[in-house]
Protein backbone atom coordinates (compact mmCIF):
# COMPACT_ATOMS: atom_id res chain seq x y z
CA MET A 1 -48.55 200.66 44.97
CA HIS A 2 -48.47 204.27 46.13
CA ASP A 3 -47.40 207.18 43.92
CA ILE A 4 -44.87 208.30 46.53
CA ILE A 5 -42.95 205.70 48.53
CA ASP A 6 -41.83 207.54 51.66
CA LEU A 7 -39.22 205.53 53.57
CA ARG A 8 -37.73 208.54 55.33
CA SER A 9 -39.40 207.84 58.68
CA ASP A 10 -42.32 205.90 60.13
CA THR A 11 -44.64 208.89 60.27
CA VAL A 12 -47.80 208.48 58.24
CA THR A 13 -49.25 211.13 55.94
CA ARG A 14 -52.35 209.22 54.78
CA PRO A 15 -54.60 208.55 57.79
CA SER A 16 -57.08 205.77 57.17
CA ASP A 17 -60.78 206.43 56.72
CA GLY A 18 -61.39 204.78 60.09
CA MET A 19 -58.98 207.11 61.85
CA ARG A 20 -60.49 210.16 60.14
CA GLN A 21 -63.94 209.05 61.27
CA ALA A 22 -62.74 208.55 64.84
CA MET A 23 -61.36 212.09 64.86
CA ARG A 24 -64.59 213.53 63.42
CA ASP A 25 -66.68 211.72 66.03
CA ALA A 26 -64.42 212.52 69.01
CA GLU A 27 -66.14 213.77 72.13
CA VAL A 28 -64.13 216.73 73.38
CA GLY A 29 -63.94 219.05 76.36
CA ASP A 30 -61.42 221.37 77.94
CA ALA A 31 -58.23 219.42 78.59
CA VAL A 32 -56.84 222.34 80.64
CA TYR A 33 -59.35 221.34 83.32
CA ALA A 34 -58.92 217.60 82.66
CA GLU A 35 -62.43 217.67 81.17
CA ASP A 36 -61.74 216.26 77.71
CA PRO A 37 -63.25 212.76 77.93
CA THR A 38 -61.28 211.37 74.97
CA VAL A 39 -57.95 212.63 76.31
CA ASN A 40 -58.81 211.20 79.74
CA ARG A 41 -59.70 207.85 78.17
CA LEU A 42 -56.43 207.76 76.22
CA GLU A 43 -54.40 208.52 79.35
CA ARG A 44 -56.20 205.82 81.37
CA THR A 45 -55.85 203.31 78.54
CA VAL A 46 -52.12 203.87 78.09
CA ALA A 47 -51.39 203.92 81.82
CA ARG A 48 -53.12 200.55 82.15
CA LEU A 49 -51.38 199.17 79.06
CA LEU A 50 -47.97 200.17 80.42
CA GLY A 51 -48.72 199.02 83.96
CA LYS A 52 -48.39 202.51 85.45
CA GLU A 53 -50.59 204.55 87.78
CA ALA A 54 -51.13 207.53 85.52
CA ALA A 55 -50.26 209.08 82.16
CA LEU A 56 -50.16 212.47 80.46
CA TYR A 57 -50.90 213.19 76.79
CA VAL A 58 -48.41 215.61 75.20
CA ALA A 59 -47.67 216.90 71.73
CA THR A 60 -44.36 215.17 71.02
CA GLY A 61 -41.93 212.56 72.25
CA THR A 62 -39.32 215.28 72.68
CA MET A 63 -41.64 217.04 75.12
CA SER A 64 -42.38 213.79 76.91
CA ASN A 65 -38.67 213.06 77.37
CA ALA A 66 -38.07 216.63 78.56
CA LEU A 67 -40.76 216.21 81.21
CA ALA A 68 -39.35 212.87 82.38
CA ILE A 69 -35.85 214.32 82.74
CA ARG A 70 -37.22 217.35 84.63
CA LEU A 71 -39.05 215.02 87.00
CA ALA A 72 -35.82 213.16 87.71
CA ALA A 73 -33.23 215.91 87.84
CA SER A 74 -32.56 219.54 88.71
CA PRO A 75 -30.04 222.03 87.27
CA GLY A 76 -26.50 220.72 87.66
CA ASP A 77 -27.57 217.10 88.00
CA GLU A 78 -26.33 214.34 85.71
CA VAL A 79 -28.18 211.85 83.50
CA ILE A 80 -26.45 208.73 82.19
CA ALA A 81 -27.33 207.77 78.61
CA ASP A 82 -26.08 206.25 75.40
CA ALA A 83 -24.18 208.77 73.28
CA ASN A 84 -26.53 208.26 70.31
CA CYS A 85 -29.85 208.25 72.12
CA HIS A 86 -32.62 210.57 70.98
CA PRO A 87 -32.49 213.07 73.90
CA VAL A 88 -28.74 213.52 73.37
CA TYR A 89 -28.68 213.51 69.57
CA TYR A 90 -32.01 214.87 68.33
CA GLU A 91 -33.62 217.04 71.01
CA ALA A 92 -31.78 220.32 70.41
CA GLY A 93 -30.17 220.47 73.85
CA GLY A 94 -33.63 220.69 75.44
CA PRO A 95 -32.76 218.72 78.61
CA SER A 96 -29.92 221.15 79.31
CA ALA A 97 -32.02 224.24 78.50
CA PHE A 98 -35.14 223.15 80.38
CA SER A 99 -33.71 221.09 83.24
CA GLY A 100 -30.10 222.29 83.39
CA VAL A 101 -28.80 218.72 83.34
CA VAL A 102 -25.56 217.39 81.98
CA PHE A 103 -25.29 214.04 80.23
CA LYS A 104 -22.67 211.42 80.96
CA THR A 105 -22.61 209.28 77.85
CA VAL A 106 -21.09 206.06 76.64
CA ALA A 107 -21.06 204.69 73.10
CA ALA A 108 -23.06 201.49 73.39
CA PRO A 109 -23.12 198.88 70.60
CA ARG A 110 -26.39 199.39 68.69
CA GLY A 111 -27.36 201.89 71.41
CA ILE A 112 -28.13 199.13 73.92
CA LEU A 113 -26.79 199.90 77.38
CA THR A 114 -25.80 197.10 79.76
CA THR A 115 -24.86 197.05 83.42
CA ASP A 116 -21.24 196.43 82.40
CA LEU A 117 -21.24 199.66 80.39
CA VAL A 118 -23.19 201.73 82.89
CA SER A 119 -21.66 200.67 86.19
CA PRO A 120 -18.23 202.28 85.57
CA LEU A 121 -19.97 205.59 84.86
CA MET A 122 -21.59 205.72 88.27
CA HIS A 123 -20.03 207.42 91.25
CA ASP A 124 -20.92 208.08 94.86
CA PRO A 125 -22.16 211.59 95.70
CA VAL A 126 -19.29 214.00 96.23
CA TYR A 127 -19.32 217.78 96.34
CA TYR A 128 -17.11 218.38 93.31
CA ARG A 129 -19.06 216.20 90.84
CA PRO A 130 -22.60 216.44 89.48
CA THR A 131 -25.20 214.48 91.40
CA GLN A 132 -26.36 211.54 89.28
CA LYS A 133 -30.14 211.31 89.18
CA ALA A 134 -31.24 209.19 86.25
CA LEU A 135 -30.39 206.52 83.72
CA LEU A 136 -32.01 206.84 80.30
CA ILE A 137 -32.56 204.11 77.71
CA GLU A 138 -34.17 204.17 74.24
CA ASN A 139 -36.24 201.19 73.09
CA THR A 140 -36.21 200.61 70.16
CA HIS A 141 -33.04 202.57 69.50
CA ASN A 142 -33.31 204.83 66.46
CA ARG A 143 -29.64 205.34 65.59
CA GLY A 144 -29.01 201.76 66.68
CA GLY A 145 -31.04 200.64 63.66
CA GLY A 146 -34.25 199.86 65.51
CA ALA A 147 -32.44 197.71 68.08
CA VAL A 148 -34.56 196.08 70.79
CA TYR A 149 -33.67 195.74 74.45
CA ALA A 150 -34.04 192.35 76.06
CA VAL A 151 -36.45 192.49 78.98
CA GLY A 152 -33.77 191.01 81.23
CA THR A 153 -31.38 193.81 80.31
CA VAL A 154 -33.98 196.46 81.17
CA ARG A 155 -34.60 194.83 84.54
CA ALA A 156 -30.89 194.54 85.31
CA LEU A 157 -30.40 198.22 84.46
CA ALA A 158 -33.38 199.17 86.63
CA ALA A 159 -31.98 197.18 89.55
CA LEU A 160 -28.59 198.85 89.20
CA ALA A 161 -30.09 202.33 88.86
CA HIS A 162 -32.36 201.92 91.86
CA GLU A 163 -29.56 200.45 93.94
CA ARG A 164 -27.56 203.63 93.26
CA GLY A 165 -30.51 205.92 93.93
CA LEU A 166 -31.15 206.75 90.25
CA ARG A 167 -34.41 206.68 88.33
CA LEU A 168 -34.79 204.80 85.05
CA HIS A 169 -36.55 206.51 82.14
CA MET A 170 -37.34 204.68 78.91
CA ASP A 171 -37.70 206.67 75.71
CA GLY A 172 -40.12 204.20 74.19
CA ALA A 173 -41.20 206.18 71.14
CA ARG A 174 -41.10 202.85 69.28
CA LEU A 175 -41.84 200.61 72.26
CA TRP A 176 -44.70 199.11 70.23
CA ASN A 177 -42.18 197.78 67.68
CA ALA A 178 -40.01 196.44 70.50
CA CYS A 179 -42.98 194.59 71.99
CA ILE A 180 -43.85 192.99 68.66
CA ALA A 181 -40.25 191.95 67.98
CA ALA A 182 -39.62 190.60 71.49
CA LYS A 183 -43.14 189.13 71.88
CA VAL A 184 -43.45 190.92 75.21
CA SER A 185 -46.35 193.02 76.50
CA PRO A 186 -45.82 196.75 77.09
CA ALA A 187 -46.44 196.33 80.82
CA GLU A 188 -43.85 193.57 81.03
CA PHE A 189 -41.26 195.74 79.28
CA CYS A 190 -41.98 198.68 81.58
CA ARG A 191 -42.48 196.92 84.90
CA GLU A 192 -39.24 198.16 86.49
CA VAL A 193 -39.09 201.50 84.66
CA ASP A 194 -39.95 204.67 86.60
CA THR A 195 -41.17 206.70 83.62
CA ILE A 196 -41.86 205.75 80.04
CA SER A 197 -42.56 207.84 76.94
CA VAL A 198 -44.49 206.28 74.06
CA CYS A 199 -45.38 207.78 70.69
CA PHE A 200 -48.48 207.42 68.50
CA SER A 201 -47.19 209.31 65.44
CA LYS A 202 -44.53 206.76 64.55
CA GLY A 203 -45.49 203.27 63.37
CA LEU A 204 -48.98 203.42 64.85
CA GLY A 205 -49.92 206.08 62.34
CA ALA A 206 -51.64 208.78 64.39
CA PRO A 207 -50.95 212.34 63.24
CA VAL A 208 -49.81 213.76 66.59
CA GLY A 209 -48.92 212.86 70.12
CA SER A 210 -47.04 210.98 72.79
CA VAL A 211 -47.77 209.94 76.36
CA LEU A 212 -45.61 210.06 79.47
CA ALA A 213 -46.53 207.40 82.04
CA GLY A 214 -45.38 206.85 85.60
CA SER A 215 -46.55 207.19 89.17
CA ALA A 216 -49.54 209.36 90.01
CA GLN A 217 -47.25 211.74 91.88
CA ASP A 218 -44.92 212.06 88.89
CA ILE A 219 -47.74 212.76 86.46
CA GLU A 220 -49.25 215.38 88.77
CA ARG A 221 -45.88 217.20 88.71
CA ALA A 222 -45.60 216.68 84.96
CA TRP A 223 -48.81 218.69 84.43
CA HIS A 224 -46.99 221.72 85.88
CA TYR A 225 -43.89 221.28 83.73
CA ARG A 226 -45.96 220.64 80.59
CA HIS A 227 -47.68 223.99 81.16
CA MET A 228 -44.26 225.65 81.51
CA LEU A 229 -43.40 224.34 78.05
CA GLY A 230 -46.63 225.68 76.56
CA GLY A 231 -47.91 222.15 76.15
CA THR A 232 -51.33 222.49 77.78
CA TRP A 233 -54.01 222.16 75.14
CA ARG A 234 -57.77 222.55 74.97
CA GLN A 235 -59.94 220.24 72.82
CA ALA A 236 -57.15 217.74 72.27
CA GLY A 237 -59.62 214.87 72.16
CA ILE A 238 -59.73 215.19 68.37
CA LEU A 239 -56.08 214.09 68.32
CA ALA A 240 -56.42 211.66 71.22
CA ALA A 241 -59.15 209.85 69.27
CA ALA A 242 -56.63 209.15 66.52
CA ALA A 243 -54.19 207.75 69.09
CA LEU A 244 -56.87 205.47 70.54
CA TYR A 245 -57.79 204.26 67.06
CA ALA A 246 -54.13 203.61 66.30
CA LEU A 247 -53.67 201.55 69.46
CA SER A 248 -56.74 199.46 68.68
CA ASN A 249 -56.10 198.92 64.98
CA ASN A 250 -52.42 199.41 64.15
CA PHE A 251 -50.43 197.82 66.99
CA LYS A 252 -50.50 194.16 65.98
CA ARG A 253 -50.05 194.96 62.28
CA LEU A 254 -46.51 196.21 63.02
CA THR A 255 -45.45 192.65 62.17
CA GLU A 256 -46.09 193.61 58.53
CA ASP A 257 -43.67 196.55 58.79
CA HIS A 258 -41.01 194.28 60.25
CA ALA A 259 -41.52 191.74 57.47
CA ASN A 260 -41.27 194.48 54.84
CA ALA A 261 -38.03 195.73 56.41
CA GLN A 262 -36.61 192.21 56.21
CA ARG A 263 -37.71 191.97 52.57
CA LEU A 264 -36.02 195.27 51.76
CA ALA A 265 -32.81 194.33 53.57
CA MET A 266 -32.64 191.00 51.74
CA ALA A 267 -33.08 192.68 48.36
CA LEU A 268 -30.50 195.37 49.10
CA SER A 269 -27.96 192.75 50.10
CA SER A 270 -28.57 189.83 47.76
CA ARG A 271 -29.80 191.60 44.63
CA LEU A 272 -28.10 195.00 44.73
CA GLY A 273 -24.95 193.98 46.59
CA LEU A 274 -25.28 196.81 49.10
CA GLU A 275 -24.07 196.37 52.68
CA VAL A 276 -26.85 196.48 55.26
CA VAL A 277 -25.11 197.71 58.39
CA ASN A 278 -27.74 197.12 61.06
CA LYS A 279 -29.30 193.98 62.44
CA VAL A 280 -32.84 194.34 61.11
CA GLU A 281 -34.98 193.51 64.13
CA THR A 282 -37.87 195.90 63.56
CA ASN A 283 -38.77 198.45 60.87
CA MET A 284 -35.42 200.10 60.06
CA VAL A 285 -32.86 199.31 57.39
CA PHE A 286 -29.50 201.12 57.23
CA PHE A 287 -27.26 200.51 54.22
CA LYS A 288 -24.01 201.88 52.88
CA HIS A 289 -23.42 203.81 49.69
CA PRO A 290 -20.46 206.11 48.97
CA GLU A 291 -22.63 208.76 47.27
CA THR A 292 -25.47 209.28 49.70
CA PRO A 293 -26.45 212.85 48.64
CA ARG A 294 -26.68 211.79 45.00
CA VAL A 295 -28.71 208.68 45.81
CA VAL A 296 -31.13 210.60 48.05
CA ALA A 297 -31.68 213.24 45.35
CA ALA A 298 -32.01 210.72 42.50
CA LEU A 299 -34.53 208.62 44.42
CA LYS A 300 -36.58 211.67 45.34
CA GLU A 301 -36.88 212.54 41.65
CA LYS A 302 -38.45 209.11 41.20
CA ASN A 303 -40.79 209.57 44.22
CA VAL A 304 -38.85 207.31 46.60
CA ILE A 305 -37.87 209.21 49.74
CA VAL A 306 -35.05 208.00 52.00
CA SER A 307 -32.78 209.83 54.45
CA GLU A 308 -29.07 210.06 55.13
CA ALA A 309 -28.37 208.75 58.62
CA ASP A 310 -24.64 209.46 58.45
CA PRO A 311 -22.18 210.21 55.64
CA GLY A 312 -22.16 207.09 53.50
CA VAL A 313 -25.16 205.52 55.27
CA LEU A 314 -28.80 205.68 54.16
CA ARG A 315 -31.83 204.88 56.30
CA CYS A 316 -35.14 203.36 55.24
CA VAL A 317 -38.09 202.94 57.61
CA THR A 318 -41.17 200.83 56.88
CA HIS A 319 -44.65 201.76 58.10
CA LEU A 320 -48.33 201.39 57.28
CA ASP A 321 -48.10 203.74 54.29
CA VAL A 322 -45.64 201.31 52.67
CA ASP A 323 -46.84 197.88 51.53
CA ARG A 324 -45.04 194.92 50.01
CA GLU A 325 -45.60 196.23 46.47
CA ASP A 326 -44.00 199.51 47.48
CA ILE A 327 -40.93 197.68 48.78
CA ASP A 328 -40.53 195.79 45.52
CA ALA A 329 -41.04 198.96 43.49
CA ALA A 330 -38.51 200.85 45.62
CA VAL A 331 -35.95 198.10 45.03
CA GLU A 332 -36.49 198.34 41.26
CA ILE A 333 -35.94 202.08 41.36
CA LEU A 334 -32.90 201.70 43.64
CA ALA A 335 -31.40 199.26 41.16
CA GLY A 336 -31.45 201.97 38.51
CA VAL A 337 -29.95 204.58 40.82
CA VAL A 338 -27.17 202.85 42.78
């Protein structure tokens, strides 16, 4: 059991010895000139894994989403999205500031858009309305409790978007969790998607980084926009090595995180009588308590860290820094607090 049980998010603060060694041994060059061999290898690896022509390594998922939206839309254009998706809720208005876009949103159950929800939002081009350029989905959906899209739903949304002349971008920061839960390969999930963002500093456990993947033409343009954002880096291979290690060693073990989330949800419900409000498909557990600030503070004093998702709702996220013993210990501490 760890001294601190951090269930606030699926970022990892204790890189494994193997990951540290990979970073120490990384062969580096100047990524500004596309001469960092480890960065280049990561981009080729992820592009192939996602079934895309090319990929670009960036610092964060927020930057990756910003690039994808800029590729799809220009100032005054419109992007259709779920009202609770990450680019709308957590990205500080970046798409509007950087790309000048407006969002047309709909509140989707568990954050999962469907053609029935999206189709009424679409309109033919007309001079007095914004031009619609893209449809955005998040898989898994953070505020939806780690909800997973069905592959058929993604394909139906892609068909509808393309029929209407829109691009489809997937914010797949936790795509790896979605793949494990749905038993689907990343390439299969992304086959009909125009651009896809994936993250290495979530459940995979790397310290930094995301990748944007798409067509070769898109990624060539994305280089320019990344530089605009100050995102061009030099010897980034040290960080890319951690991402490569994470892909090779921490992808399949996400099943353990999902099992631990189920174990936590069961204990919260059956033992502590707390209402778990999300369908626990992946590594997130949301539960109700009327005194969330008190519970968060009391748990932190006992070295269990959770977050408030909404007033009256707490969020716990499992990851490779949290094992089964940690889950059981956290439940014991929760029992004394709630």
